[in-house]
Amino acid sequence: MGYVVTILLGWAVFARMLPPPAPSLDAEQVAAIYRENMFGIRVGMIFILISAFLFIPFTAVFTQIIAKIEGGAGPL
């Protein structure tokens, strides 16, 4: 849950990338969006990097659960 909250906080709140820029915008308008929110995008990407670290324990627990269901170590 912490992973989802952190990634959405970084992506949607700070970087303002949800929803993404409209495809109908030209290159100059898209560049202006990035230029105007440069600090917010950088802070948002830091939150996304932190969320990657929060994903590691989730993956480890999930892997252990699947190993118990499968009955030991799998071929991979």
Protein backbone atom coordinates (compact mmCIF):
# COMPACT_ATOMS: atom_id res chain seq x y z
CA MET A 1 0.00 0.00 0.00
CA GLY A 2 2.87 2.36 0.78
CA TYR A 3 4.21 1.75 -2.72
CA VAL A 4 0.98 2.80 -4.40
CA VAL A 5 0.51 5.86 -2.20
CA THR A 6 4.10 7.03 -2.70
CA ILE A 7 4.11 6.55 -6.46
CA LEU A 8 0.76 8.31 -6.88
CA LEU A 9 1.90 11.13 -4.62
CA GLY A 10 4.99 11.66 -6.74
CA TRP A 11 3.37 11.11 -10.11
CA ALA A 12 0.04 12.84 -9.68
CA VAL A 13 0.55 15.46 -6.95
CA PHE A 14 4.09 16.73 -7.42
CA ALA A 15 4.90 15.95 -11.06
CA ARG A 16 1.31 16.54 -12.25
CA MET A 17 1.60 13.77 -14.82
CA LEU A 18 -1.85 12.28 -14.21
CA PRO A 19 -3.58 12.71 -16.59
CA PRO A 20 -0.73 12.92 -19.11
CA PRO A 21 -0.47 15.87 -21.51
CA ALA A 22 -2.98 15.74 -24.35
CA PRO A 23 -1.73 14.21 -27.62
CA SER A 24 -3.13 17.20 -29.49
CA LEU A 25 -0.54 19.56 -27.95
CA ASP A 26 2.35 20.58 -30.14
CA ALA A 27 6.00 20.23 -29.08
CA GLU A 28 6.24 23.83 -27.86
CA GLN A 29 3.24 23.44 -25.55
CA VAL A 30 4.57 20.19 -24.11
CA ALA A 31 7.98 21.80 -23.56
CA ALA A 32 6.26 24.68 -21.75
CA ILE A 33 4.50 22.22 -19.42
CA TYR A 34 7.84 20.64 -18.48
CA ARG A 35 9.56 24.03 -18.16
CA GLU A 36 6.86 25.49 -15.89
CA ASN A 37 6.84 22.48 -13.53
CA MET A 38 10.52 21.53 -13.52
CA PHE A 39 10.89 21.55 -9.71
CA GLY A 40 7.65 19.62 -9.18
CA ILE A 41 8.70 16.99 -11.71
CA ARG A 42 12.06 16.55 -9.98
CA VAL A 43 10.44 16.17 -6.54
CA GLY A 44 7.89 13.76 -8.01
CA MET A 45 10.63 11.62 -9.54
CA ILE A 46 12.35 11.44 -6.13
CA PHE A 47 9.09 10.10 -4.69
CA ILE A 48 8.93 7.54 -7.50
CA LEU A 49 12.50 6.43 -6.71
CA ILE A 50 11.52 6.03 -3.05
CA SER A 51 8.49 4.00 -4.09
CA ALA A 52 10.82 1.60 -5.93
CA PHE A 53 12.50 0.83 -2.60
CA LEU A 54 9.08 0.22 -1.05
CA PHE A 55 8.30 -2.25 -3.83
CA ILE A 56 11.22 -4.53 -2.90
CA PRO A 57 9.74 -5.84 0.39
CA PHE A 58 6.37 -6.36 -1.28
CA THR A 59 8.02 -8.41 -4.00
CA ALA A 60 10.00 -10.47 -1.46
CA VAL A 61 6.86 -11.33 0.53
CA PHE A 62 4.92 -12.10 -2.63
CA THR A 63 7.73 -14.38 -3.83
CA GLN A 64 7.72 -16.29 -0.53
CA ILE A 65 3.95 -16.78 -0.72
CA ILE A 66 4.20 -18.13 -4.26
CA ALA A 67 7.07 -20.43 -3.24
CA LYS A 68 4.91 -21.90 -0.46
CA ILE A 69 2.04 -22.44 -2.91
CA GLU A 70 4.33 -24.06 -5.48
CA GLY A 71 6.02 -26.26 -2.86
CA GLY A 72 9.60 -25.03 -2.94
CA ALA A 73 11.96 -23.26 -5.27
CA GLY A 74 10.80 -23.13 -8.86
CA PRO A 75 12.87 -23.61 -12.00
CA LEU A 76 13.68 -19.90 -12.23
